[in-house]
Amino acid sequence: QVQLVETGGRLVQAGGSLRLSCAASGRISNYNMGWFRQAPGKEREFVAAISWAGVSTYYVDSVKGRFTISRDNAKATLYLQMNSLKPEDTAVYYCAARSQHCSGYGCQIADEYDDWGQGTQVTVSS
């Protein structure tokens, strides 16, 4: 089990960029990691995932080409670089860790993640 703390969320104008960070309390090198988001009145949505070594990445179609997930296992930190932000990206963003291997669609299932952060608010104004 790892404790996760997200930072970096704030108010930004449409077209702008943000980088979210997720710091873990322990080693994450054995975990697949993911970012999810939840907008008001909507269900939690998968955003991106990355394999334990950072070799494989997965994105929801709506963020492909705009967001980049990365990790630094030495620093036990996960990142989400968000460019060309749109108002519809407004949400609370959560990082999550899972000990089981996943690939493709399997990485998008929130219930299969073991540990979650408290979330960080991203608001994109038009």
Foldseek 3Di string as FASTA:
>chain_A
DKAKAKDWADEEAAQAKTKIKIAIPDFQLQKKKFKWWDDPPGDIWGAKIAFSVRPDMDGDPVQPPFWDWGDDRVRRMIMIIGGRDDQVVWTWMKMFIANDDDDDPRVTDPVRTDYIYPTDTHGYHD
